Amino acid sequence: MILIVVKFPVRAEKAEQWPAIVKEFTEATRAEPGNKWFEWSRSLEDPHEFVLVEAFDDDAAGPHVESEHFRRAISAEGEMRRALTATPKIISRQVEGEGWDEMGEMKIG
């Protein structure tokens, strides 16, 4: 699977609106064939940074970045792009596995 982590530096005045700004993009991506997950979190250290953790089947990441909703989200006219203070930072890797595994070092129950 393809595992992707992206850090989005959001303008202070847009931080509280960020979930609404990315709602349509998030819903459309989650509905894509081959999307395993697409989950947003907010940094504990920087309240203006949002972290996206996403995963796709090996052959599904390409169609994602070619999709209309992706192009719309990253366009210069898009609200998502205008809400950022800098270019997002990304890690994208192909990894073994099909999903989340339990953390062996911290079994509960």
PDB file of N, CA and C in Angstrom:
ATOM      1  N   MET A   1       0.847  -1.175   0.000  1.00  0.00           N
ATOM      2  CA  MET A   1       0.000   0.000   0.000  1.00  0.00           C
ATOM      3  C   MET A   1       0.888   1.233   0.000  1.00  0.00           C
ATOM      4  N   ILE A   2       0.317   2.353  -0.410  1.00  0.00           N
ATOM      5  CA  ILE A   2       1.001   3.639  -0.391  1.00  0.00           C
ATOM      6  C   ILE A   2       0.551   4.368   0.876  1.00  0.00           C
ATOM      7  N   LEU A   3       1.514   4.734   1.713  1.00  0.00           N
ATOM      8  CA  LEU A   3       1.234   5.471   2.950  1.00  0.00           C
ATOM      9  C   LEU A   3       1.765   6.887   2.784  1.00  0.00           C
ATOM     10  N   ILE A   4       0.914   7.859   3.059  1.00  0.00           N
ATOM     11  CA  ILE A   4       1.262   9.260   2.854  1.00  0.00           C
ATOM     12  C   ILE A   4       0.938  10.045   4.126  1.00  0.00           C
ATOM     13  N   VAL A   5       1.884  10.884   4.533  1.00  0.00           N
ATOM     14  CA  VAL A   5       1.669  11.799   5.652  1.00  0.00           C
ATOM     15  C   VAL A   5       2.015  13.201   5.151  1.00  0.00           C
ATOM     16  N   VAL A   6       1.095  14.133   5.350  1.00  0.00           N
ATOM     17  CA  VAL A   6       1.295  15.493   4.875  1.00  0.00           C
ATOM     18  C   VAL A   6       1.025  16.465   6.025  1.00  0.00           C
ATOM     19  N   LYS A   7       1.930  17.443   6.204  1.00  0.00           N
ATOM     20  CA  LYS A   7       1.741  18.495   7.200  1.00  0.00           C
ATOM     21  C   LYS A   7       1.329  19.773   6.483  1.00  0.00           C
ATOM     22  N   PHE A   8       0.179  20.330   6.887  1.00  0.00           N
ATOM     23  CA  PHE A   8      -0.375  21.532   6.283  1.00  0.00           C
ATOM     24  C   PHE A   8      -0.255  22.709   7.255  1.00  0.00           C
ATOM     25  N   PRO A   9       0.559  23.717   6.941  1.00  0.00           N
ATOM     26  CA  PRO A   9       0.662  24.908   7.783  1.00  0.00           C
ATOM     27  C   PRO A   9      -0.452  25.894   7.418  1.00  0.00           C
ATOM     28  N   VAL A  10      -1.409  26.041   8.316  1.00  0.00           N
ATOM     29  CA  VAL A  10      -2.620  26.818   8.033  1.00  0.00           C
ATOM     30  C   VAL A  10      -2.523  28.211   8.665  1.00  0.00           C
ATOM     31  N   ARG A  11      -3.006  29.203   7.946  1.00  0.00           N
ATOM     32  CA  ARG A  11      -3.038  30.576   8.467  1.00  0.00           C
ATOM     33  C   ARG A  11      -3.819  30.594   9.788  1.00  0.00           C
ATOM     34  N   ALA A  12      -3.340  31.363  10.746  1.00  0.00           N
ATOM     35  CA  ALA A  12      -3.974  31.424  12.069  1.00  0.00           C
ATOM     36  C   ALA A  12      -5.463  31.749  11.970  1.00  0.00           C
ATOM     37  N   GLU A  13      -5.811  32.675  11.106  1.00  0.00           N
ATOM     38  CA  GLU A  13      -7.214  33.082  10.991  1.00  0.00           C
ATOM     39  C   GLU A  13      -8.082  32.035  10.274  1.00  0.00           C
ATOM     40  N   LYS A  14      -7.463  31.016   9.695  1.00  0.00           N
ATOM     41  CA  LYS A  14      -8.204  29.959   8.990  1.00  0.00           C
ATOM     42  C   LYS A  14      -8.185  28.623   9.749  1.00  0.00           C
ATOM     43  N   ALA A  15      -7.430  28.539  10.829  1.00  0.00           N
ATOM     44  CA  ALA A  15      -7.242  27.256  11.519  1.00  0.00           C
ATOM     45  C   ALA A  15      -8.561  26.644  12.006  1.00  0.00           C
ATOM     46  N   GLU A  16      -9.426  27.439  12.578  1.00  0.00           N
ATOM     47  CA  GLU A  16     -10.701  26.893  13.082  1.00  0.00           C
ATOM     48  C   GLU A  16     -11.631  26.500  11.943  1.00  0.00           C
ATOM     49  N   GLN A  17     -11.447  27.080  10.778  1.00  0.00           N
ATOM     50  CA  GLN A  17     -12.280  26.772   9.612  1.00  0.00           C
ATOM     51  C   GLN A  17     -11.737  25.602   8.795  1.00  0.00           C
ATOM     52  N   TRP A  18     -10.514  25.170   9.076  1.00  0.00           N
ATOM     53  CA  TRP A  18      -9.855  24.158   8.255  1.00  0.00           C
ATOM     54  C   TRP A  18     -10.711  22.904   8.035  1.00  0.00           C
ATOM     55  N   PRO A  19     -11.321  22.315   9.080  1.00  0.00           N
ATOM     56  CA  PRO A  19     -12.154  21.125   8.814  1.00  0.00           C
ATOM     57  C   PRO A  19     -13.255  21.373   7.786  1.00  0.00           C
ATOM     58  N   ALA A  20     -13.863  22.529   7.821  1.00  0.00           N
ATOM     59  CA  ALA A  20     -14.897  22.858   6.832  1.00  0.00           C
ATOM     60  C   ALA A  20     -14.286  23.091   5.449  1.00  0.00           C
ATOM     61  N   ILE A  21     -13.115  23.708   5.417  1.00  0.00           N
ATOM     62  CA  ILE A  21     -12.446  23.988   4.143  1.00  0.00           C
ATOM     63  C   ILE A  21     -12.115  22.689   3.407  1.00  0.00           C
ATOM     64  N   VAL A  22     -11.689  21.667   4.128  1.00  0.00           N
ATOM     65  CA  VAL A  22     -11.270  20.406   3.489  1.00  0.00           C
ATOM     66  C   VAL A  22     -12.364  19.338   3.474  1.00  0.00           C
ATOM     67  N   LYS A  23     -13.549  19.663   3.952  1.00  0.00           N
ATOM     68  CA  LYS A  23     -14.632  18.670   4.073  1.00  0.00           C
ATOM     69  C   LYS A  23     -14.974  18.002   2.743  1.00  0.00           C
ATOM     70  N   GLU A  24     -15.248  18.783   1.717  1.00  0.00           N
ATOM     71  CA  GLU A  24     -15.638  18.214   0.420  1.00  0.00           C
ATOM     72  C   GLU A  24     -14.512  17.357  -0.168  1.00  0.00           C
ATOM     73  N   PHE A  25     -13.290  17.859  -0.099  1.00  0.00           N
ATOM     74  CA  PHE A  25     -12.122  17.124  -0.585  1.00  0.00           C
ATOM     75  C   PHE A  25     -11.952  15.811   0.177  1.00  0.00           C
ATOM     76  N   THR A  26     -12.108  15.869   1.482  1.00  0.00           N
ATOM     77  CA  THR A  26     -11.971  14.677   2.322  1.00  0.00           C
ATOM     78  C   THR A  26     -13.026  13.638   1.971  1.00  0.00           C
ATOM     79  N   GLU A  27     -14.265  14.054   1.885  1.00  0.00           N
ATOM     80  CA  GLU A  27     -15.351  13.120   1.567  1.00  0.00           C
ATOM     81  C   GLU A  27     -15.167  12.493   0.194  1.00  0.00           C
ATOM     82  N   ALA A  28     -14.772  13.285  -0.785  1.00  0.00           N
ATOM     83  CA  ALA A  28     -14.570  12.766  -2.144  1.00  0.00           C
ATOM     84  C   ALA A  28     -13.413  11.771  -2.171  1.00  0.00           C
ATOM     85  N   THR A  29     -12.341  12.066  -1.455  1.00  0.00           N
ATOM     86  CA  THR A  29     -11.193  11.160  -1.435  1.00  0.00           C
ATOM     87  C   THR A  29     -11.540   9.861  -0.734  1.00  0.00           C
ATOM     88  N   ARG A  30     -12.247   9.935   0.369  1.00  0.00           N
ATOM     89  CA  ARG A  30     -12.647   8.714   1.094  1.00  0.00           C
ATOM     90  C   ARG A  30     -13.543   7.813   0.243  1.00  0.00           C
ATOM     91  N   ALA A  31     -14.251   8.391  -0.705  1.00  0.00           N
ATOM     92  CA  ALA A  31     -15.142   7.621  -1.580  1.00  0.00           C
ATOM     93  C   ALA A  31     -14.416   7.011  -2.778  1.00  0.00           C
ATOM     94  N   GLU A  32     -13.156   7.351  -2.970  1.00  0.00           N
ATOM     95  CA  GLU A  32     -12.402   6.820  -4.115  1.00  0.00           C
ATOM     96  C   GLU A  32     -12.160   5.328  -3.975  1.00  0.00           C
ATOM     97  N   PRO A  33     -12.233   4.580  -5.081  1.00  0.00           N
ATOM     98  CA  PRO A  33     -11.826   3.181  -5.040  1.00  0.00           C
ATOM     99  C   PRO A  33     -10.343   3.106  -4.667  1.00  0.00           C
ATOM    100  N   GLY A  34     -10.001   2.204  -3.765  1.00  0.00           N
ATOM    101  CA  GLY A  34      -8.606   2.030  -3.383  1.00  0.00           C
ATOM    102  C   GLY A  34      -8.145   2.902  -2.234  1.00  0.00           C
ATOM    103  N   ASN A  35      -8.987   3.823  -1.766  1.00  0.00           N
ATOM    104  CA  ASN A  35      -8.605   4.615  -0.593  1.00  0.00           C
ATOM    105  C   ASN A  35      -8.821   3.766   0.653  1.00  0.00           C
ATOM    106  N   LYS A  36      -7.793   3.626   1.456  1.00  0.00           N
ATOM    107  CA  LYS A  36      -7.889   2.845   2.691  1.00  0.00           C
ATOM    108  C   LYS A  36      -8.307   3.726   3.862  1.00  0.00           C
ATOM    109  N   TRP A  37      -7.696   4.894   3.979  1.00  0.00           N
ATOM    110  CA  TRP A  37      -8.109   5.885   4.964  1.00  0.00           C
ATOM    111  C   TRP A  37      -7.568   7.244   4.589  1.00  0.00           C
ATOM    112  N   PHE A  38      -8.178   8.251   5.169  1.00  0.00           N
ATOM    113  CA  PHE A  38      -7.845   9.642   4.905  1.00  0.00           C
ATOM    114  C   PHE A  38      -8.242  10.386   6.169  1.00  0.00           C
ATOM    115  N   GLU A  39      -7.281  10.574   7.081  1.00  0.00           N
ATOM    116  CA  GLU A  39      -7.577  11.043   8.437  1.00  0.00           C
ATOM    117  C   GLU A  39      -6.783  12.292   8.784  1.00  0.00           C
ATOM    118  N   TRP A  40      -7.491  13.294   9.295  1.00  0.00           N
ATOM    119  CA  TRP A  40      -6.888  14.560   9.700  1.00  0.00           C
ATOM    120  C   TRP A  40      -6.681  14.585  11.205  1.00  0.00           C
ATOM    121  N   SER A  41      -5.578  15.198  11.622  1.00  0.00           N
ATOM    122  CA  SER A  41      -5.297  15.469  13.033  1.00  0.00           C
ATOM    123  C   SER A  41      -4.719  16.878  13.129  1.00  0.00           C
ATOM    124  N   ARG A  42      -4.766  17.390  14.338  1.00  0.00           N
ATOM    125  CA  ARG A  42      -4.196  18.716  14.586  1.00  0.00           C
ATOM    126  C   ARG A  42      -2.969  18.542  15.467  1.00  0.00           C
ATOM    127  N   SER A  43      -1.896  19.220  15.127  1.00  0.00           N
ATOM    128  CA  SER A  43      -0.656  19.136  15.886  1.00  0.00           C
ATOM    129  C   SER A  43      -0.862  19.617  17.321  1.00  0.00           C
ATOM    130  N   LEU A  44      -0.267  18.916  18.269  1.00  0.00           N
ATOM    131  CA  LEU A  44      -0.303  19.357  19.659  1.00  0.00           C
ATOM    132  C   LEU A  44       0.679  20.496  19.913  1.00  0.00           C
ATOM    133  N   GLU A  45       1.744  20.559  19.110  1.00  0.00           N
ATOM    134  CA  GLU A  45       2.768  21.591  19.276  1.00  0.00           C
ATOM    135  C   GLU A  45       2.427  22.888  18.561  1.00  0.00           C
ATOM    136  N   ASP A  46       1.724  22.788  17.445  1.00  0.00           N
ATOM    137  CA  ASP A  46       1.416  23.961  16.639  1.00  0.00           C
ATOM    138  C   ASP A  46      -0.062  23.924  16.254  1.00  0.00           C
ATOM    139  N   PRO A  47      -0.901  24.727  16.894  1.00  0.00           N
ATOM    140  CA  PRO A  47      -2.346  24.676  16.613  1.00  0.00           C
ATOM    141  C   PRO A  47      -2.725  25.130  15.204  1.00  0.00           C
ATOM    142  N   HIS A  48      -1.738  25.604  14.445  1.00  0.00           N
ATOM    143  CA  HIS A  48      -2.000  26.025  13.070  1.00  0.00           C
ATOM    144  C   HIS A  48      -1.499  24.995  12.054  1.00  0.00           C
ATOM    145  N   GLU A  49      -1.093  23.837  12.546  1.00  0.00           N
ATOM    146  CA  GLU A  49      -0.626  22.772  11.656  1.00  0.00           C
ATOM    147  C   GLU A  49      -1.575  21.579  11.747  1.00  0.00           C
ATOM    148  N   PHE A  50      -2.015  21.124  10.577  1.00  0.00           N
ATOM    149  CA  PHE A  50      -2.870  19.949  10.488  1.00  0.00           C
ATOM    150  C   PHE A  50      -2.102  18.855   9.769  1.00  0.00           C
ATOM    151  N   VAL A  51      -2.266  17.627  10.237  1.00  0.00           N
ATOM    152  CA  VAL A  51      -1.540  16.488   9.691  1.00  0.00           C
ATOM    153  C   VAL A  51      -2.544  15.524   9.069  1.00  0.00           C
ATOM    154  N   LEU A  52      -2.280  15.160   7.835  1.00  0.00           N
ATOM    155  CA  LEU A  52      -3.127  14.224   7.106  1.00  0.00           C
ATOM    156  C   LEU A  52      -2.384  12.903   6.973  1.00  0.00           C
ATOM    157  N   VAL A  53      -3.023  11.818   7.402  1.00  0.00           N
ATOM    158  CA  VAL A  53      -2.479  10.473   7.222  1.00  0.00           C
ATOM    159  C   VAL A  53      -3.434   9.759   6.273  1.00  0.00           C
ATOM    160  N   GLU A  54      -2.893   9.322   5.145  1.00  0.00           N
ATOM    161  CA  GLU A  54      -3.739   8.682   4.143  1.00  0.00           C
ATOM    162  C   GLU A  54      -3.053   7.440   3.599  1.00  0.00           C
ATOM    163  N   ALA A  55      -3.853   6.516   3.104  1.00  0.00           N
ATOM    164  CA  ALA A  55      -3.307   5.299   2.513  1.00  0.00           C
ATOM    165  C   ALA A  55      -4.188   4.877   1.346  1.00  0.00           C
ATOM    166  N   PHE A  56      -3.523   4.306   0.362  1.00  0.00           N
ATOM    167  CA  PHE A  56      -4.190   3.844  -0.850  1.00  0.00           C
ATOM    168  C   PHE A  56      -3.658   2.472  -1.240  1.00  0.00           C
ATOM    169  N   ASP A  57      -4.474   1.693  -1.944  1.00  0.00           N
ATOM    170  CA  ASP A  57      -3.953   0.505  -2.600  1.00  0.00           C
ATOM    171  C   ASP A  57      -2.820   0.948  -3.516  1.00  0.00           C
ATOM    172  N   ASP A  58      -1.902   0.056  -3.817  1.00  0.00           N
ATOM    173  CA  ASP A  58      -0.715   0.399  -4.612  1.00  0.00           C
ATOM    174  C   ASP A  58      -1.032   1.132  -5.905  1.00  0.00           C
ATOM    175  N   ASP A  59      -2.115   0.784  -6.551  1.00  0.00           N
ATOM    176  CA  ASP A  59      -2.425   1.368  -7.850  1.00  0.00           C
ATOM    177  C   ASP A  59      -3.458   2.505  -7.775  1.00  0.00           C
ATOM    178  N   ALA A  60      -3.813   2.943  -6.562  1.00  0.00           N
ATOM    179  CA  ALA A  60      -4.883   3.933  -6.423  1.00  0.00           C
ATOM    180  C   ALA A  60      -4.394   5.357  -6.159  1.00  0.00           C
ATOM    181  N   ALA A  61      -3.140   5.536  -5.804  1.00  0.00           N
ATOM    182  CA  ALA A  61      -2.648   6.892  -5.514  1.00  0.00           C
ATOM    183  C   ALA A  61      -2.586   7.744  -6.777  1.00  0.00           C
ATOM    184  N   GLY A  62      -2.223   7.141  -7.898  1.00  0.00           N
ATOM    185  CA  GLY A  62      -2.176   7.870  -9.166  1.00  0.00           C
ATOM    186  C   GLY A  62      -3.528   8.448  -9.550  1.00  0.00           C
ATOM    187  N   PRO A  63      -4.583   7.620  -9.584  1.00  0.00           N
ATOM    188  CA  PRO A  63      -5.908   8.171  -9.895  1.00  0.00           C
ATOM    189  C   PRO A  63      -6.354   9.240  -8.895  1.00  0.00           C
ATOM    190  N   HIS A  64      -5.905   9.150  -7.642  1.00  0.00           N
ATOM    191  CA  HIS A  64      -6.260  10.168  -6.654  1.00  0.00           C
ATOM    192  C   HIS A  64      -5.727  11.541  -7.070  1.00  0.00           C
ATOM    193  N   VAL A  65      -4.443  11.623  -7.403  1.00  0.00           N
ATOM    194  CA  VAL A  65      -3.872  12.931  -7.752  1.00  0.00           C
ATOM    195  C   VAL A  65      -4.326  13.413  -9.132  1.00  0.00           C
ATOM    196  N   GLU A  66      -4.926  12.539  -9.905  1.00  0.00           N
ATOM    197  CA  GLU A  66      -5.470  12.916 -11.208  1.00  0.00           C
ATOM    198  C   GLU A  66      -6.958  13.246 -11.144  1.00  0.00           C
ATOM    199  N   SER A  67      -7.562  13.083  -9.964  1.00  0.00           N
ATOM    200  CA  SER A  67      -9.010  13.290  -9.830  1.00  0.00           C
ATOM    201  C   SER A  67      -9.369  14.771  -9.903  1.00  0.00           C
ATOM    202  N   GLU A  68     -10.599  15.023 -10.271  1.00  0.00           N
ATOM    203  CA  GLU A  68     -11.088  16.399 -10.363  1.00  0.00           C
ATOM    204  C   GLU A  68     -11.081  17.068  -8.985  1.00  0.00           C
ATOM    205  N   HIS A  69     -11.500  16.362  -7.944  1.00  0.00           N
ATOM    206  CA  HIS A  69     -11.543  16.986  -6.618  1.00  0.00           C
ATOM    207  C   HIS A  69     -10.136  17.304  -6.098  1.00  0.00           C
ATOM    208  N   PHE A  70      -9.134  16.510  -6.477  1.00  0.00           N
ATOM    209  CA  PHE A  70      -7.755  16.826  -6.089  1.00  0.00           C
ATOM    210  C   PHE A  70      -7.275  18.084  -6.815  1.00  0.00           C
ATOM    211  N   ARG A  71      -7.494  18.126  -8.114  1.00  0.00           N
ATOM    212  CA  ARG A  71      -7.085  19.305  -8.902  1.00  0.00           C
ATOM    213  C   ARG A  71      -7.765  20.576  -8.392  1.00  0.00           C
ATOM    214  N   ARG A  72      -9.044  20.439  -8.049  1.00  0.00           N
ATOM    215  CA  ARG A  72      -9.791  21.588  -7.534  1.00  0.00           C
ATOM    216  C   ARG A  72      -9.217  22.036  -6.176  1.00  0.00           C
ATOM    217  N   ALA A  73      -8.881  21.074  -5.326  1.00  0.00           N
ATOM    218  CA  ALA A  73      -8.371  21.391  -3.984  1.00  0.00           C
ATOM    219  C   ALA A  73      -7.029  22.112  -4.034  1.00  0.00           C
ATOM    220  N   ILE A  74      -6.167  21.729  -4.956  1.00  0.00           N
ATOM    221  CA  ILE A  74      -4.823  22.331  -4.985  1.00  0.00           C
ATOM    222  C   ILE A  74      -4.725  23.529  -5.928  1.00  0.00           C
ATOM    223  N   SER A  75      -5.805  23.858  -6.613  1.00  0.00           N
ATOM    224  CA  SER A  75      -5.758  24.965  -7.576  1.00  0.00           C
ATOM    225  C   SER A  75      -5.515  26.296  -6.869  1.00  0.00           C
ATOM    226  N   ALA A  76      -4.965  27.234  -7.598  1.00  0.00           N
ATOM    227  CA  ALA A  76      -4.683  28.566  -7.061  1.00  0.00           C
ATOM    228  C   ALA A  76      -5.962  29.261  -6.600  1.00  0.00           C
ATOM    229  N   GLU A  77      -7.071  28.927  -7.213  1.00  0.00           N
ATOM    230  CA  GLU A  77      -8.348  29.537  -6.845  1.00  0.00           C
ATOM    231  C   GLU A  77      -8.982  28.849  -5.638  1.00  0.00           C
ATOM    232  N   GLY A  78      -8.477  27.688  -5.273  1.00  0.00           N
ATOM    233  CA  GLY A  78      -9.081  26.906  -4.210  1.00  0.00           C
ATOM    234  C   GLY A  78      -8.875  27.497  -2.822  1.00  0.00           C
ATOM    235  N   GLU A  79      -9.904  27.387  -2.003  1.00  0.00           N
ATOM    236  CA  GLU A  79      -9.840  27.911  -0.639  1.00  0.00           C
ATOM    237  C   GLU A  79      -8.788  27.181   0.190  1.00  0.00           C
ATOM    238  N   MET A  80      -8.596  25.899  -0.085  1.00  0.00           N
ATOM    239  CA  MET A  80      -7.607  25.119   0.658  1.00  0.00           C
ATOM    240  C   MET A  80      -6.213  25.718   0.484  1.00  0.00           C
ATOM    241  N   ARG A  81      -5.843  25.965  -0.736  1.00  0.00           N
ATOM    242  CA  ARG A  81      -4.512  26.524  -1.015  1.00  0.00           C
ATOM    243  C   ARG A  81      -4.344  27.914  -0.406  1.00  0.00           C
ATOM    244  N   ARG A  82      -5.372  28.738  -0.512  1.00  0.00           N
ATOM    245  CA  ARG A  82      -5.303  30.104   0.007  1.00  0.00           C
ATOM    246  C   ARG A  82      -5.239  30.145   1.534  1.00  0.00           C
ATOM    247  N   ALA A  83      -5.623  29.070   2.200  1.00  0.00           N
ATOM    248  CA  ALA A  83      -5.601  29.015   3.666  1.00  0.00           C
ATOM    249  C   ALA A  83      -4.220  28.649   4.216  1.00  0.00           C
ATOM    250  N   LEU A  84      -3.281  28.294   3.355  1.00  0.00           N
ATOM    251  CA  LEU A  84      -1.961  27.839   3.802  1.00  0.00           C
ATOM    252  C   LEU A  84      -0.951  28.979   3.863  1.00  0.00           C
ATOM    253  N   THR A  85       0.029  28.817   4.772  1.00  0.00           N
ATOM    254  CA  THR A  85       1.107  29.802   4.892  1.00  0.00           C
ATOM    255  C   THR A  85       2.350  29.391   4.115  1.00  0.00           C
ATOM    256  N   ALA A  86       2.459  28.113   3.762  1.00  0.00           N
ATOM    257  CA  ALA A  86       3.639  27.593   3.060  1.00  0.00           C
ATOM    258  C   ALA A  86       3.259  26.296   2.362  1.00  0.00           C
ATOM    259  N   THR A  87       4.158  25.808   1.542  1.00  0.00           N
ATOM    260  CA  THR A  87       3.967  24.539   0.853  1.00  0.00           C
ATOM    261  C   THR A  87       3.919  23.404   1.877  1.00  0.00           C
ATOM    262  N   PRO A  88       2.924  22.528   1.795  1.00  0.00           N
ATOM    263  CA  PRO A  88       2.866  21.396   2.718  1.00  0.00           C
ATOM    264  C   PRO A  88       4.093  20.487   2.574  1.00  0.00           C
ATOM    265  N   LYS A  89       4.457  19.833   3.658  1.00  0.00           N
ATOM    266  CA  LYS A  89       5.555  18.860   3.688  1.00  0.00           C
ATOM    267  C   LYS A  89       4.940  17.470   3.602  1.00  0.00           C
ATOM    268  N   ILE A  90       5.574  16.565   2.833  1.00  0.00           N
ATOM    269  CA  ILE A  90       4.985  15.250   2.585  1.00  0.00           C
ATOM    270  C   ILE A  90       6.018  14.134   2.711  1.00  0.00           C
ATOM    271  N   ILE A  91       5.544  13.002   3.191  1.00  0.00           N
ATOM    272  CA  ILE A  91       6.278  11.739   3.121  1.00  0.00           C
ATOM    273  C   ILE A  91       5.333  10.769   2.419  1.00  0.00           C
ATOM    274  N   SER A  92       5.796  10.144   1.356  1.00  0.00           N
ATOM    275  CA  SER A  92       4.989   9.184   0.599  1.00  0.00           C
ATOM    276  C   SER A  92       5.841   7.958   0.336  1.00  0.00           C
ATOM    277  N   ARG A  93       5.401   6.808   0.839  1.00  0.00           N
ATOM    278  CA  ARG A  93       6.178   5.577   0.713  1.00  0.00           C
ATOM    279  C   ARG A  93       5.268   4.387   0.440  1.00  0.00           C
ATOM    280  N   GLN A  94       5.805   3.461  -0.304  1.00  0.00           N
ATOM    281  CA  GLN A  94       5.133   2.181  -0.451  1.00  0.00           C
ATOM    282  C   GLN A  94       5.566   1.325   0.727  1.00  0.00           C
ATOM    283  N   VAL A  95       4.602   0.747   1.427  1.00  0.00           N
ATOM    284  CA  VAL A  95       4.889  -0.072   2.602  1.00  0.00           C
ATOM    285  C   VAL A  95       4.161  -1.401   2.487  1.00  0.00           C
ATOM    286  N   GLU A  96       4.675  -2.391   3.189  1.00  0.00           N
ATOM    287  CA  GLU A  96       4.003  -3.683   3.234  1.00  0.00           C
ATOM    288  C   GLU A  96       2.792  -3.581   4.151  1.00  0.00           C
ATOM    289  N   GLY A  97       1.816  -4.403   3.888  1.00  0.00           N
ATOM    290  CA  GLY A  97       0.635  -4.451   4.743  1.00  0.00           C
ATOM    291  C   GLY A  97      -0.602  -3.965   4.021  1.00  0.00           C
ATOM    292  N   GLU A  98      -1.723  -4.175   4.667  1.00  0.00           N
ATOM    293  CA  GLU A  98      -3.008  -3.794   4.094  1.00  0.00           C
ATOM    294  C   GLU A  98      -3.777  -2.818   4.978  1.00  0.00           C
ATOM    295  N   GLY A  99      -3.224  -2.518   6.157  1.00  0.00           N
ATOM    296  CA  GLY A  99      -3.931  -1.619   7.068  1.00  0.00           C
ATOM    297  C   GLY A  99      -3.207  -1.514   8.386  1.00  0.00           C
ATOM    298  N   TRP A 100      -3.919  -1.015   9.376  1.00  0.00           N
ATOM    299  CA  TRP A 100      -3.352  -0.818  10.701  1.00  0.00           C
ATOM    300  C   TRP A 100      -3.167  -2.158  11.409  1.00  0.00           C
ATOM    301  N   ASP A 101      -2.050  -2.321  12.093  1.00  0.00           N
ATOM    302  CA  ASP A 101      -1.800  -3.479  12.957  1.00  0.00           C
ATOM    303  C   ASP A 101      -1.841  -3.015  14.398  1.00  0.00           C
ATOM    304  N   GLU A 102      -2.030  -3.965  15.313  1.00  0.00           N
ATOM    305  CA  GLU A 102      -1.978  -3.629  16.742  1.00  0.00           C
ATOM    306  C   GLU A 102      -0.536  -3.339  17.138  1.00  0.00           C
ATOM    307  N   MET A 103      -0.366  -2.432  18.073  1.00  0.00           N
ATOM    308  CA  MET A 103       0.952  -2.099  18.591  1.00  0.00           C
ATOM    309  C   MET A 103       1.360  -3.183  19.588  1.00  0.00           C
ATOM    310  N   GLY A 104       2.354  -3.977  19.206  1.00  0.00           N
ATOM    311  CA  GLY A 104       2.778  -5.106  20.033  1.00  0.00           C
ATOM    312  C   GLY A 104       3.362  -4.691  21.373  1.00  0.00           C
ATOM    313  N   GLU A 105       3.963  -3.512  21.450  1.00  0.00           N
ATOM    314  CA  GLU A 105       4.580  -3.050  22.671  1.00  0.00           C
ATOM    315  C   GLU A 105       3.582  -2.521  23.694  1.00  0.00           C
ATOM    316  N   MET A 106       2.323  -2.355  23.294  1.00  0.00           N
ATOM    317  CA  MET A 106       1.339  -1.795  24.211  1.00  0.00           C
ATOM    318  C   MET A 106      -0.020  -2.494  24.035  1.00  0.00           C
ATOM    319  N   LYS A 107      -0.067  -3.755  24.335  1.00  0.00           N
ATOM    320  CA  LYS A 107      -1.310  -4.512  24.234  1.00  0.00           C
ATOM    321  C   LYS A 107      -2.236  -4.110  25.390  1.00  0.00           C
ATOM    322  N   ILE A 108      -3.479  -3.858  25.080  1.00  0.00           N
ATOM    323  CA  ILE A 108      -4.473  -3.515  26.083  1.00  0.00           C
ATOM    324  C   ILE A 108      -5.504  -4.649  26.148  1.00  0.00           C
ATOM    325  N   GLY A 109      -5.759  -5.080  27.350  1.00  0.00           N
ATOM    326  CA  GLY A 109      -6.796  -6.107  27.556  1.00  0.00           C
ATOM    327  C   GLY A 109      -6.350  -7.509  27.426  1.00  0.00           C
TER     328      GLY A 109
END
